[in-house]
Amino acid sequence: MVEFDDAFRQHLRELFVWRRDVRRFRTDPLPDGTIPRLIETACLSPSVGLSQPWRFVIVDDHATRRAVIEDFKSCNADALNAYSGDRATRYATLKLSGLEQAPGHLAVFADKASSIGHGLGRATMPETTEYSVVAAITAMWLAARADGIGLGWVSILSPDRIGAILDVPSAWKFIAYLCIGYPEAECDRPELERAEWEYRRGADEFTLRR
């Protein structure tokens, strides 16, 4: 059994503290093989029934990236229209993606039709397929941060349009579109907290005892 000492545990906690959803990227290219290596780390994650439902699409083509950016702009305009007053003004000032600056783009899907794992654990909770993919993204996120690389999750996108743009099988459910690159700056506070959109609450607010 591998044992981890107090120093390792402290460094691990610091990794959690300093992991951020990055939206402001430098345009420096990533070292060759960075994204495939991060994908390999993601694939070490647990998955329901060992189903390994994650599917990754590395997006390198300029025209494809531009189509994704245009979809973001359309969805972001719709999102802005859902707010009013001061909240709309605040929303309009937020930077909500690094799509145009980040050197790496990665789309992540869950293959809901895969027979890997033979359905174990999914009969009563089929959504654990998607949960498994999110766990893999979290592992990738932490591995990237340990290498000084930022990762930003862009959710203001149309799943159907992204699936069509990337021409993936219809059984693949869109989970995340990730921007990957070196952050302009590092901070241990979420950007949305610094922008006074929301603030981080303590664990006690989310914990019940029964």
C-alpha atoms as a PDB file:
ATOM      1  CA  MET A   1       0.000   0.000   0.000  1.00  0.00           C
ATOM      2  CA  VAL A   2       1.317   3.437  -0.954  1.00  0.00           C
ATOM      3  CA  GLU A   3       1.462   5.861   1.968  1.00  0.00           C
ATOM      4  CA  PHE A   4       1.347   9.637   1.695  1.00  0.00           C
ATOM      5  CA  ASP A   5       2.914  11.876   4.329  1.00  0.00           C
ATOM      6  CA  ASP A   6       1.679  15.117   5.875  1.00  0.00           C
ATOM      7  CA  ALA A   7       3.712  17.237   3.474  1.00  0.00           C
ATOM      8  CA  PHE A   8       2.077  15.544   0.492  1.00  0.00           C
ATOM      9  CA  ARG A   9      -1.377  16.009   1.992  1.00  0.00           C
ATOM     10  CA  GLN A  10      -0.697  19.704   2.562  1.00  0.00           C
ATOM     11  CA  HIS A  11       0.490  20.130  -1.023  1.00  0.00           C
ATOM     12  CA  LEU A  12      -2.585  18.289  -2.259  1.00  0.00           C
ATOM     13  CA  ARG A  13      -4.843  20.660  -0.339  1.00  0.00           C
ATOM     14  CA  GLU A  14      -2.976  23.618  -1.822  1.00  0.00           C
ATOM     15  CA  LEU A  15      -3.623  22.146  -5.252  1.00  0.00           C
ATOM     16  CA  PHE A  16      -7.363  22.155  -4.527  1.00  0.00           C
ATOM     17  CA  VAL A  17      -7.205  25.724  -3.213  1.00  0.00           C
ATOM     18  CA  TRP A  18      -5.320  27.060  -6.241  1.00  0.00           C
ATOM     19  CA  ARG A  19      -7.310  25.201  -8.889  1.00  0.00           C
ATOM     20  CA  ARG A  20      -9.328  27.786 -10.797  1.00  0.00           C
ATOM     21  CA  ASP A  21     -11.769  27.932 -13.694  1.00  0.00           C
ATOM     22  CA  VAL A  22      -9.515  29.949 -15.983  1.00  0.00           C
ATOM     23  CA  ARG A  23     -10.928  32.365 -18.544  1.00  0.00           C
ATOM     24  CA  ARG A  24      -7.930  34.591 -19.174  1.00  0.00           C
ATOM     25  CA  PHE A  25      -5.210  32.729 -21.053  1.00  0.00           C
ATOM     26  CA  ARG A  26      -1.855  33.541 -22.549  1.00  0.00           C
ATOM     27  CA  THR A  27      -1.607  32.500 -26.179  1.00  0.00           C
ATOM     28  CA  ASP A  28       1.680  30.598 -25.685  1.00  0.00           C
ATOM     29  CA  PRO A  29       1.428  27.137 -27.246  1.00  0.00           C
ATOM     30  CA  LEU A  30       1.264  24.103 -25.015  1.00  0.00           C
ATOM     31  CA  PRO A  31       4.162  21.622 -25.123  1.00  0.00           C
ATOM     32  CA  ASP A  32       3.657  18.796 -27.605  1.00  0.00           C
ATOM     33  CA  GLY A  33       1.602  15.964 -26.161  1.00  0.00           C
ATOM     34  CA  THR A  34       0.110  17.995 -23.293  1.00  0.00           C
ATOM     35  CA  ILE A  35      -3.552  17.349 -24.048  1.00  0.00           C
ATOM     36  CA  PRO A  36      -3.115  13.614 -24.779  1.00  0.00           C
ATOM     37  CA  ARG A  37      -1.197  13.299 -21.502  1.00  0.00           C
ATOM     38  CA  LEU A  38      -3.993  15.051 -19.595  1.00  0.00           C
ATOM     39  CA  ILE A  39      -6.518  12.737 -21.240  1.00  0.00           C
ATOM     40  CA  GLU A  40      -4.491   9.736 -20.073  1.00  0.00           C
ATOM     41  CA  THR A  41      -4.685  11.079 -16.515  1.00  0.00           C
ATOM     42  CA  ALA A  42      -8.427  11.614 -16.835  1.00  0.00           C
ATOM     43  CA  CYS A  43      -8.830   7.993 -17.874  1.00  0.00           C
ATOM     44  CA  LEU A  44      -7.411   6.889 -14.508  1.00  0.00           C
ATOM     45  CA  SER A  45     -10.629   8.121 -12.879  1.00  0.00           C
ATOM     46  CA  PRO A  46     -13.223   5.764 -11.399  1.00  0.00           C
ATOM     47  CA  SER A  47     -16.336   5.077 -13.454  1.00  0.00           C
ATOM     48  CA  VAL A  48     -19.600   3.320 -12.724  1.00  0.00           C
ATOM     49  CA  GLY A  49     -19.256  -0.393 -13.499  1.00  0.00           C
ATOM     50  CA  LEU A  50     -15.831   0.349 -15.017  1.00  0.00           C
ATOM     51  CA  SER A  51     -17.794   1.661 -17.979  1.00  0.00           C
ATOM     52  CA  GLN A  52     -15.172   4.286 -18.912  1.00  0.00           C
ATOM     53  CA  PRO A  53     -17.844   6.330 -20.708  1.00  0.00           C
ATOM     54  CA  TRP A  54     -15.662   9.378 -21.401  1.00  0.00           C
ATOM     55  CA  ARG A  55     -15.106  10.385 -25.013  1.00  0.00           C
ATOM     56  CA  PHE A  56     -12.685  13.191 -25.895  1.00  0.00           C
ATOM     57  CA  VAL A  57     -12.533  15.337 -29.034  1.00  0.00           C
ATOM     58  CA  ILE A  58      -9.402  17.461 -29.466  1.00  0.00           C
ATOM     59  CA  VAL A  59     -10.466  20.487 -31.512  1.00  0.00           C
ATOM     60  CA  ASP A  60      -7.565  21.807 -33.590  1.00  0.00           C
ATOM     61  CA  ASP A  61      -9.278  22.938 -36.805  1.00  0.00           C
ATOM     62  CA  HIS A  62      -9.596  26.726 -37.029  1.00  0.00           C
ATOM     63  CA  ALA A  63     -12.999  26.709 -38.759  1.00  0.00           C
ATOM     64  CA  THR A  64     -14.383  24.269 -36.203  1.00  0.00           C
ATOM     65  CA  ARG A  65     -13.162  26.431 -33.352  1.00  0.00           C
ATOM     66  CA  ARG A  66     -14.717  29.481 -34.983  1.00  0.00           C
ATOM     67  CA  ALA A  67     -18.064  27.687 -35.195  1.00  0.00           C
ATOM     68  CA  VAL A  68     -17.868  26.875 -31.479  1.00  0.00           C
ATOM     69  CA  ILE A  69     -17.028  30.504 -30.685  1.00  0.00           C
ATOM     70  CA  GLU A  70     -19.999  31.730 -32.702  1.00  0.00           C
ATOM     71  CA  ASP A  71     -22.274  29.319 -30.835  1.00  0.00           C
ATOM     72  CA  PHE A  72     -20.936  30.673 -27.542  1.00  0.00           C
ATOM     73  CA  LYS A  73     -21.635  34.245 -28.621  1.00  0.00           C
ATOM     74  CA  SER A  74     -25.217  33.349 -29.554  1.00  0.00           C
ATOM     75  CA  CYS A  75     -25.873  31.476 -26.307  1.00  0.00           C
ATOM     76  CA  ASN A  76     -24.217  34.196 -24.258  1.00  0.00           C
ATOM     77  CA  ALA A  77     -26.456  36.847 -25.802  1.00  0.00           C
ATOM     78  CA  ASP A  78     -29.495  34.749 -24.886  1.00  0.00           C
ATOM     79  CA  ALA A  79     -28.179  34.353 -21.342  1.00  0.00           C
ATOM     80  CA  LEU A  80     -27.680  38.115 -20.987  1.00  0.00           C
ATOM     81  CA  ASN A  81     -31.282  38.701 -22.066  1.00  0.00           C
ATOM     82  CA  ALA A  82     -32.456  36.496 -19.199  1.00  0.00           C
ATOM     83  CA  TYR A  83     -31.159  39.065 -16.683  1.00  0.00           C
ATOM     84  CA  SER A  84     -32.342  42.594 -16.027  1.00  0.00           C
ATOM     85  CA  GLY A  85     -31.258  45.688 -14.165  1.00  0.00           C
ATOM     86  CA  ASP A  86     -28.020  45.656 -12.198  1.00  0.00           C
ATOM     87  CA  ARG A  87     -27.586  41.897 -12.621  1.00  0.00           C
ATOM     88  CA  ALA A  88     -27.672  42.291 -16.425  1.00  0.00           C
ATOM     89  CA  THR A  89     -25.108  45.074 -16.219  1.00  0.00           C
ATOM     90  CA  ARG A  90     -22.853  42.907 -14.090  1.00  0.00           C
ATOM     91  CA  TYR A  91     -23.290  39.907 -16.403  1.00  0.00           C
ATOM     92  CA  ALA A  92     -22.283  41.970 -19.433  1.00  0.00           C
ATOM     93  CA  THR A  93     -18.927  42.783 -17.812  1.00  0.00           C
ATOM     94  CA  LEU A  94     -18.002  39.185 -17.039  1.00  0.00           C
ATOM     95  CA  LYS A  95     -15.461  37.288 -19.131  1.00  0.00           C
ATOM     96  CA  LEU A  96     -17.059  33.866 -19.427  1.00  0.00           C
ATOM     97  CA  SER A  97     -14.773  31.992 -21.787  1.00  0.00           C
ATOM     98  CA  GLY A  98     -11.201  31.872 -23.028  1.00  0.00           C
ATOM     99  CA  LEU A  99     -12.175  30.353 -26.363  1.00  0.00           C
ATOM    100  CA  GLU A 100     -10.377  32.930 -28.478  1.00  0.00           C
ATOM    101  CA  GLN A 101      -7.113  32.954 -26.503  1.00  0.00           C
ATOM    102  CA  ALA A 102      -6.596  29.420 -25.194  1.00  0.00           C
ATOM    103  CA  PRO A 103      -4.215  27.363 -27.347  1.00  0.00           C
ATOM    104  CA  GLY A 104      -6.034  24.113 -26.528  1.00  0.00           C
ATOM    105  CA  HIS A 105      -9.685  23.191 -27.066  1.00  0.00           C
ATOM    106  CA  LEU A 106     -11.121  19.888 -25.846  1.00  0.00           C
ATOM    107  CA  ALA A 107     -14.732  18.687 -25.952  1.00  0.00           C
ATOM    108  CA  VAL A 108     -15.812  15.919 -23.590  1.00  0.00           C
ATOM    109  CA  PHE A 109     -18.798  13.626 -24.054  1.00  0.00           C
ATOM    110  CA  ALA A 110     -20.424  10.686 -22.278  1.00  0.00           C
ATOM    111  CA  ASP A 111     -21.168   7.642 -24.433  1.00  0.00           C
ATOM    112  CA  LYS A 112     -24.562   6.586 -23.110  1.00  0.00           C
ATOM    113  CA  ALA A 113     -24.832   3.657 -25.555  1.00  0.00           C
ATOM    114  CA  SER A 114     -21.535   1.983 -24.710  1.00  0.00           C
ATOM    115  CA  SER A 115     -21.684  -1.668 -23.654  1.00  0.00           C
ATOM    116  CA  ILE A 116     -18.430  -1.370 -21.673  1.00  0.00           C
ATOM    117  CA  GLY A 117     -19.160  -2.312 -18.081  1.00  0.00           C
ATOM    118  CA  HIS A 118     -22.250  -4.345 -19.066  1.00  0.00           C
ATOM    119  CA  GLY A 119     -24.608  -1.855 -17.424  1.00  0.00           C
ATOM    120  CA  LEU A 120     -23.412  -2.542 -13.884  1.00  0.00           C
ATOM    121  CA  GLY A 121     -24.568   0.155 -11.463  1.00  0.00           C
ATOM    122  CA  ARG A 122     -26.584   2.078 -14.020  1.00  0.00           C
ATOM    123  CA  ALA A 123     -29.988   0.398 -13.914  1.00  0.00           C
ATOM    124  CA  THR A 124     -31.289   2.515 -11.036  1.00  0.00           C
ATOM    125  CA  MET A 125     -29.120   5.585 -11.681  1.00  0.00           C
ATOM    126  CA  PRO A 126     -28.279   5.845 -15.388  1.00  0.00           C
ATOM    127  CA  GLU A 127     -27.014   9.387 -14.820  1.00  0.00           C
ATOM    128  CA  THR A 128     -23.911   7.917 -13.177  1.00  0.00           C
ATOM    129  CA  THR A 129     -22.563   7.623 -16.723  1.00  0.00           C
ATOM    130  CA  GLU A 130     -22.365  11.404 -16.889  1.00  0.00           C
ATOM    131  CA  TYR A 131     -21.138  11.643 -13.293  1.00  0.00           C
ATOM    132  CA  SER A 132     -18.224   9.372 -14.191  1.00  0.00           C
ATOM    133  CA  VAL A 133     -17.207  11.718 -16.996  1.00  0.00           C
ATOM    134  CA  VAL A 134     -17.339  14.721 -14.656  1.00  0.00           C
ATOM    135  CA  ALA A 135     -15.054  12.859 -12.237  1.00  0.00           C
ATOM    136  CA  ALA A 136     -12.585  12.340 -15.090  1.00  0.00           C
ATOM    137  CA  ILE A 137     -12.681  16.049 -15.928  1.00  0.00           C
ATOM    138  CA  THR A 138     -11.931  16.880 -12.292  1.00  0.00           C
ATOM    139  CA  ALA A 139      -8.870  14.621 -12.352  1.00  0.00           C
ATOM    140  CA  MET A 140      -7.686  16.305 -15.542  1.00  0.00           C
ATOM    141  CA  TRP A 141      -8.286  19.743 -14.037  1.00  0.00           C
ATOM    142  CA  LEU A 142      -6.104  19.018 -11.017  1.00  0.00           C
ATOM    143  CA  ALA A 143      -3.372  17.395 -13.118  1.00  0.00           C
ATOM    144  CA  ALA A 144      -3.298  20.447 -15.378  1.00  0.00           C
ATOM    145  CA  ARG A 145      -3.045  22.816 -12.421  1.00  0.00           C
ATOM    146  CA  ALA A 146      -0.152  20.801 -10.997  1.00  0.00           C
ATOM    147  CA  ASP A 147       1.674  21.503 -14.270  1.00  0.00           C
ATOM    148  CA  GLY A 148       0.883  25.226 -14.117  1.00  0.00           C
ATOM    149  CA  ILE A 149      -1.700  24.847 -16.889  1.00  0.00           C
ATOM    150  CA  GLY A 150      -5.133  26.437 -16.654  1.00  0.00           C
ATOM    151  CA  LEU A 151      -8.399  24.823 -17.613  1.00  0.00           C
ATOM    152  CA  GLY A 152     -11.678  26.634 -18.241  1.00  0.00           C
ATOM    153  CA  TRP A 153     -15.057  24.900 -18.531  1.00  0.00           C
ATOM    154  CA  VAL A 154     -17.329  26.654 -21.052  1.00  0.00           C
ATOM    155  CA  SER A 155     -20.964  25.744 -20.414  1.00  0.00           C
ATOM    156  CA  ILE A 156     -22.664  28.565 -22.328  1.00  0.00           C
ATOM    157  CA  LEU A 157     -23.062  26.446 -25.453  1.00  0.00           C
ATOM    158  CA  SER A 158     -25.841  24.553 -27.199  1.00  0.00           C
ATOM    159  CA  PRO A 159     -25.249  20.800 -26.730  1.00  0.00           C
ATOM    160  CA  ASP A 160     -27.077  19.918 -29.944  1.00  0.00           C
ATOM    161  CA  ARG A 161     -25.155  22.428 -32.025  1.00  0.00           C
ATOM    162  CA  ILE A 162     -21.809  21.415 -30.527  1.00  0.00           C
ATOM    163  CA  GLY A 163     -22.560  17.764 -31.286  1.00  0.00           C
ATOM    164  CA  ALA A 164     -23.337  18.704 -34.892  1.00  0.00           C
ATOM    165  CA  ILE A 165     -20.278  20.949 -35.259  1.00  0.00           C
ATOM    166  CA  LEU A 166     -17.995  18.177 -34.005  1.00  0.00           C
ATOM    167  CA  ASP A 167     -19.869  15.448 -35.907  1.00  0.00           C
ATOM    168  CA  VAL A 168     -19.990  12.952 -33.038  1.00  0.00           C
ATOM    169  CA  PRO A 169     -22.351   9.954 -32.639  1.00  0.00           C
ATOM    170  CA  SER A 170     -25.868  10.868 -31.515  1.00  0.00           C
ATOM    171  CA  ALA A 171     -25.552   8.629 -28.431  1.00  0.00           C
ATOM    172  CA  TRP A 172     -22.756  10.831 -27.084  1.00  0.00           C
ATOM    173  CA  LYS A 173     -24.032  13.360 -24.559  1.00  0.00           C
ATOM    174  CA  PHE A 174     -22.165  16.654 -24.441  1.00  0.00           C
ATOM    175  CA  ILE A 175     -20.653  17.225 -21.000  1.00  0.00           C
ATOM    176  CA  ALA A 176     -18.008  19.940 -21.304  1.00  0.00           C
ATOM    177  CA  TYR A 177     -16.035  22.144 -23.626  1.00  0.00           C
ATOM    178  CA  LEU A 178     -12.654  22.898 -22.091  1.00  0.00           C
ATOM    179  CA  CYS A 179     -10.180  25.669 -22.836  1.00  0.00           C
ATOM    180  CA  ILE A 180      -6.616  24.683 -21.960  1.00  0.00           C
ATOM    181  CA  GLY A 181      -3.554  26.894 -21.718  1.00  0.00           C
ATOM    182  CA  TYR A 182      -1.348  28.963 -19.464  1.00  0.00           C
ATOM    183  CA  PRO A 183      -3.285  31.469 -17.326  1.00  0.00           C
ATOM    184  CA  GLU A 184      -2.493  35.177 -17.533  1.00  0.00           C
ATOM    185  CA  ALA A 185      -2.349  35.277 -13.735  1.00  0.00           C
ATOM    186  CA  GLU A 186      -2.907  32.968 -10.800  1.00  0.00           C
ATOM    187  CA  CYS A 187      -5.224  33.545  -7.860  1.00  0.00           C
ATOM    188  CA  ASP A 188      -6.620  31.457  -5.018  1.00  0.00           C
ATOM    189  CA  ARG A 189     -10.075  33.098  -5.264  1.00  0.00           C
ATOM    190  CA  PRO A 190     -12.673  32.364  -7.966  1.00  0.00           C
ATOM    191  CA  GLU A 191     -12.922  35.074 -10.627  1.00  0.00           C
ATOM    192  CA  LEU A 192     -16.683  35.347 -10.113  1.00  0.00           C
ATOM    193  CA  GLU A 193     -16.068  36.057  -6.438  1.00  0.00           C
ATOM    194  CA  ARG A 194     -13.545  38.756  -7.306  1.00  0.00           C
ATOM    195  CA  ALA A 195     -16.116  40.252  -9.691  1.00  0.00           C
ATOM    196  CA  GLU A 196     -18.682  40.220  -6.844  1.00  0.00           C
ATOM    197  CA  TRP A 197     -21.076  38.013  -8.817  1.00  0.00           C
ATOM    198  CA  GLU A 198     -21.219  35.459  -5.997  1.00  0.00           C
ATOM    199  CA  TYR A 199     -19.160  34.441  -2.982  1.00  0.00           C
ATOM    200  CA  ARG A 200     -17.854  31.121  -1.750  1.00  0.00           C
ATOM    201  CA  ARG A 201     -19.766  29.729   1.196  1.00  0.00           C
ATOM    202  CA  GLY A 202     -18.493  27.435   3.925  1.00  0.00           C
ATOM    203  CA  ALA A 203     -19.136  23.699   4.021  1.00  0.00           C
ATOM    204  CA  ASP A 204     -21.523  24.079   6.966  1.00  0.00           C
ATOM    205  CA  GLU A 205     -24.094  25.716   4.682  1.00  0.00           C
ATOM    206  CA  PHE A 206     -24.309  22.559   2.577  1.00  0.00           C
ATOM    207  CA  THR A 207     -24.071  19.866   5.227  1.00  0.00           C
ATOM    208  CA  LEU A 208     -26.881  18.056   7.040  1.00  0.00           C
ATOM    209  CA  ARG A 209     -26.763  15.416   9.745  1.00  0.00           C
ATOM    210  CA  ARG A 210     -29.484  12.799  10.115  1.00  0.00           C
END
